[in-house]
Amino acid sequence: MKVRIHRGALVVAAVAALVGFPLLSGLALAGNKHVDEALAHAKEAVSHGKAGHADAVVQHGEEALKHAMAAGMKNPHLDEGVTHLKEAVAHGKAGHADVATQHAEGAVTHLSEVK
C-alpha cells in the first residue's frame, strides 16, 4: 500500500515539474521582453547613426529608453545601457550623429549582456 502512495506522489511531482517549469520559465522570459525591444531599437539607432541620421538616433534611442526603463530589473548592464541611451538621445538632439552613435553602440553592448 505504501509503495502505491509513494509511486503516486512521485508521478504527481513529476507531472507538476514538467508542467510548472516551462510556465515559470516563460514568466521569467516575459520580463526580458522590454530588454529585447530596447536592444532592437538601440541597434536601429546605431544603424541610422552610422548613416549620419541624428534625428533617427533620437527617435530609436527614446523608444529604446522607454523599454529599458519599463523592464523593471535591477541589473548593472541595464543601468549602464540606460545611461548610454540618455547620452545618445542628448547628442542626437544636438545633431552630433557620430557621438550619439558611439553611445548607442555602448547601449547595445550593455543591453546584450542583460540576463
C-alpha atoms as a PDB file:
ATOM      1  CA  MET A   1       0.000   0.000   0.000  1.00  0.00           C
ATOM      2  CA  LYS A   2       2.806   2.446   0.894  1.00  0.00           C
ATOM      3  CA  VAL A   3       4.547   1.688  -2.410  1.00  0.00           C
ATOM      4  CA  ARG A   4       1.461   2.777  -4.357  1.00  0.00           C
ATOM      5  CA  ILE A   5       1.207   6.020  -2.389  1.00  0.00           C
ATOM      6  CA  HIS A   6       4.878   6.822  -2.918  1.00  0.00           C
ATOM      7  CA  ARG A   7       4.638   5.934  -6.608  1.00  0.00           C
ATOM      8  CA  GLY A   8       1.533   8.110  -6.948  1.00  0.00           C
ATOM      9  CA  ALA A   9       3.253  11.001  -5.213  1.00  0.00           C
ATOM     10  CA  LEU A  10       6.270  10.594  -7.472  1.00  0.00           C
ATOM     11  CA  VAL A  11       4.062  10.668 -10.577  1.00  0.00           C
ATOM     12  CA  VAL A  12       2.251  13.785  -9.359  1.00  0.00           C
ATOM     13  CA  ALA A  13       5.560  15.507  -8.577  1.00  0.00           C
ATOM     14  CA  ALA A  14       6.978  14.601 -11.993  1.00  0.00           C
ATOM     15  CA  VAL A  15       3.919  15.909 -13.839  1.00  0.00           C
ATOM     16  CA  ALA A  16       3.950  19.097 -11.761  1.00  0.00           C
ATOM     17  CA  ALA A  17       7.616  19.638 -12.585  1.00  0.00           C
ATOM     18  CA  LEU A  18       7.115  19.021 -16.290  1.00  0.00           C
ATOM     19  CA  VAL A  19       4.174  21.427 -16.456  1.00  0.00           C
ATOM     20  CA  GLY A  20       5.355  24.000 -13.925  1.00  0.00           C
ATOM     21  CA  PHE A  21       8.908  24.507 -15.129  1.00  0.00           C
ATOM     22  CA  PRO A  22       8.002  25.715 -18.648  1.00  0.00           C
ATOM     23  CA  LEU A  23       5.350  28.017 -17.203  1.00  0.00           C
ATOM     24  CA  LEU A  24       7.751  29.575 -14.733  1.00  0.00           C
ATOM     25  CA  SER A  25      10.453  29.840 -17.399  1.00  0.00           C
ATOM     26  CA  GLY A  26       8.010  31.626 -19.677  1.00  0.00           C
ATOM     27  CA  LEU A  27       7.237  34.124 -16.948  1.00  0.00           C
ATOM     28  CA  ALA A  28      10.931  34.794 -16.449  1.00  0.00           C
ATOM     29  CA  LEU A  29      11.448  35.308 -20.164  1.00  0.00           C
ATOM     30  CA  ALA A  30       8.427  37.608 -20.386  1.00  0.00           C
ATOM     31  CA  GLY A  31      10.240  40.022 -18.078  1.00  0.00           C
ATOM     32  CA  ASN A  32      13.019  40.358 -20.658  1.00  0.00           C
ATOM     33  CA  LYS A  33      10.671  41.362 -23.477  1.00  0.00           C
ATOM     34  CA  HIS A  34      11.279  45.042 -22.737  1.00  0.00           C
ATOM     35  CA  VAL A  35      15.026  44.442 -22.749  1.00  0.00           C
ATOM     36  CA  ASP A  36      14.728  42.724 -26.136  1.00  0.00           C
ATOM     37  CA  GLU A  37      12.740  45.673 -27.512  1.00  0.00           C
ATOM     38  CA  ALA A  38      15.243  48.150 -26.062  1.00  0.00           C
ATOM     39  CA  LEU A  39      18.081  46.222 -27.684  1.00  0.00           C
ATOM     40  CA  ALA A  40      16.323  46.151 -31.059  1.00  0.00           C
ATOM     41  CA  HIS A  41      15.728  49.916 -31.006  1.00  0.00           C
ATOM     42  CA  ALA A  42      19.284  50.592 -29.837  1.00  0.00           C
ATOM     43  CA  LYS A  43      20.574  48.582 -32.808  1.00  0.00           C
ATOM     44  CA  GLU A  44      18.351  50.628 -35.122  1.00  0.00           C
ATOM     45  CA  ALA A  45      19.756  53.794 -33.557  1.00  0.00           C
ATOM     46  CA  VAL A  46      23.282  52.572 -34.325  1.00  0.00           C
ATOM     47  CA  SER A  47      22.352  51.751 -37.893  1.00  0.00           C
ATOM     48  CA  HIS A  48      20.824  55.164 -38.526  1.00  0.00           C
ATOM     49  CA  GLY A  49      23.620  56.926 -36.677  1.00  0.00           C
ATOM     50  CA  LYS A  50      26.230  55.341 -38.934  1.00  0.00           C
ATOM     51  CA  ALA A  51      24.274  56.784 -41.862  1.00  0.00           C
ATOM     52  CA  GLY A  52      24.502  60.219 -40.225  1.00  0.00           C
ATOM     53  CA  HIS A  53      20.805  60.481 -39.284  1.00  0.00           C
ATOM     54  CA  ALA A  54      20.927  62.082 -35.848  1.00  0.00           C
ATOM     55  CA  ASP A  55      17.139  62.533 -35.795  1.00  0.00           C
ATOM     56  CA  ALA A  56      16.574  58.794 -36.234  1.00  0.00           C
ATOM     57  CA  VAL A  57      19.077  58.089 -33.450  1.00  0.00           C
ATOM     58  CA  VAL A  58      16.922  60.275 -31.204  1.00  0.00           C
ATOM     59  CA  GLN A  59      13.712  58.524 -32.267  1.00  0.00           C
ATOM     60  CA  HIS A  60      15.024  54.988 -31.750  1.00  0.00           C
ATOM     61  CA  GLY A  61      17.050  55.985 -28.705  1.00  0.00           C
ATOM     62  CA  GLU A  62      13.971  57.386 -26.968  1.00  0.00           C
ATOM     63  CA  GLU A  63      11.976  54.260 -27.804  1.00  0.00           C
ATOM     64  CA  ALA A  64      14.814  52.052 -26.524  1.00  0.00           C
ATOM     65  CA  LEU A  65      14.979  54.146 -23.376  1.00  0.00           C
ATOM     66  CA  LYS A  66      11.238  53.678 -22.725  1.00  0.00           C
ATOM     67  CA  HIS A  67      11.566  49.908 -22.992  1.00  0.00           C
ATOM     68  CA  ALA A  68      14.748  49.759 -20.916  1.00  0.00           C
ATOM     69  CA  MET A  69      13.103  51.767 -18.137  1.00  0.00           C
ATOM     70  CA  ALA A  70       9.963  49.595 -18.314  1.00  0.00           C
ATOM     71  CA  ALA A  71      11.992  46.408 -17.852  1.00  0.00           C
ATOM     72  CA  GLY A  72      11.898  46.986 -14.114  1.00  0.00           C
ATOM     73  CA  MET A  73      15.024  44.969 -13.400  1.00  0.00           C
ATOM     74  CA  LYS A  74      17.988  45.626 -11.141  1.00  0.00           C
ATOM     75  CA  ASN A  75      20.959  44.940 -13.374  1.00  0.00           C
ATOM     76  CA  PRO A  76      24.186  46.942 -13.748  1.00  0.00           C
ATOM     77  CA  HIS A  77      24.268  46.346 -17.519  1.00  0.00           C
ATOM     78  CA  LEU A  78      20.710  47.630 -17.855  1.00  0.00           C
ATOM     79  CA  ASP A  79      21.630  50.712 -15.818  1.00  0.00           C
ATOM     80  CA  GLU A  80      24.687  51.335 -17.988  1.00  0.00           C
ATOM     81  CA  GLY A  81      22.594  50.814 -21.128  1.00  0.00           C
ATOM     82  CA  VAL A  82      20.113  53.438 -19.915  1.00  0.00           C
ATOM     83  CA  THR A  83      22.968  55.871 -19.275  1.00  0.00           C
ATOM     84  CA  HIS A  84      24.287  55.372 -22.811  1.00  0.00           C
ATOM     85  CA  LEU A  85      20.814  55.726 -24.315  1.00  0.00           C
ATOM     86  CA  LYS A  86      20.281  59.039 -22.497  1.00  0.00           C
ATOM     87  CA  GLU A  87      23.601  60.291 -23.853  1.00  0.00           C
ATOM     88  CA  ALA A  88      22.766  59.048 -27.350  1.00  0.00           C
ATOM     89  CA  VAL A  89      19.480  60.939 -27.290  1.00  0.00           C
ATOM     90  CA  ALA A  90      21.111  64.112 -25.945  1.00  0.00           C
ATOM     91  CA  HIS A  91      23.864  64.096 -28.571  1.00  0.00           C
ATOM     92  CA  GLY A  92      21.395  63.178 -31.316  1.00  0.00           C
ATOM     93  CA  LYS A  93      19.243  66.187 -30.411  1.00  0.00           C
ATOM     94  CA  ALA A  94      22.362  68.333 -30.673  1.00  0.00           C
ATOM     95  CA  GLY A  95      22.969  66.945 -34.158  1.00  0.00           C
ATOM     96  CA  HIS A  96      26.089  65.000 -33.192  1.00  0.00           C
ATOM     97  CA  ALA A  97      25.321  61.770 -35.034  1.00  0.00           C
ATOM     98  CA  ASP A  98      28.827  60.377 -34.553  1.00  0.00           C
ATOM     99  CA  VAL A  99      28.896  60.757 -30.758  1.00  0.00           C
ATOM    100  CA  ALA A 100      25.260  59.658 -30.489  1.00  0.00           C
ATOM    101  CA  THR A 101      26.156  56.532 -32.452  1.00  0.00           C
ATOM    102  CA  GLN A 102      29.039  55.736 -30.100  1.00  0.00           C
ATOM    103  CA  HIS A 103      26.686  55.926 -27.130  1.00  0.00           C
ATOM    104  CA  ALA A 104      24.060  53.845 -28.917  1.00  0.00           C
ATOM    105  CA  GLU A 105      26.758  51.228 -29.557  1.00  0.00           C
ATOM    106  CA  GLY A 106      27.609  51.294 -25.854  1.00  0.00           C
ATOM    107  CA  ALA A 107      23.939  50.745 -25.068  1.00  0.00           C
ATOM    108  CA  VAL A 108      23.826  47.766 -27.435  1.00  0.00           C
ATOM    109  CA  THR A 109      26.897  46.276 -25.758  1.00  0.00           C
ATOM    110  CA  HIS A 110      25.404  46.544 -22.283  1.00  0.00           C
ATOM    111  CA  LEU A 111      21.823  45.612 -23.178  1.00  0.00           C
ATOM    112  CA  SER A 112      23.159  42.488 -24.861  1.00  0.00           C
ATOM    113  CA  GLU A 113      24.612  41.422 -21.503  1.00  0.00           C
ATOM    114  CA  VAL A 114      21.366  41.762 -19.546  1.00  0.00           C
ATOM    115  CA  LYS A 115      20.239  38.321 -18.412  1.00  0.00           C
END
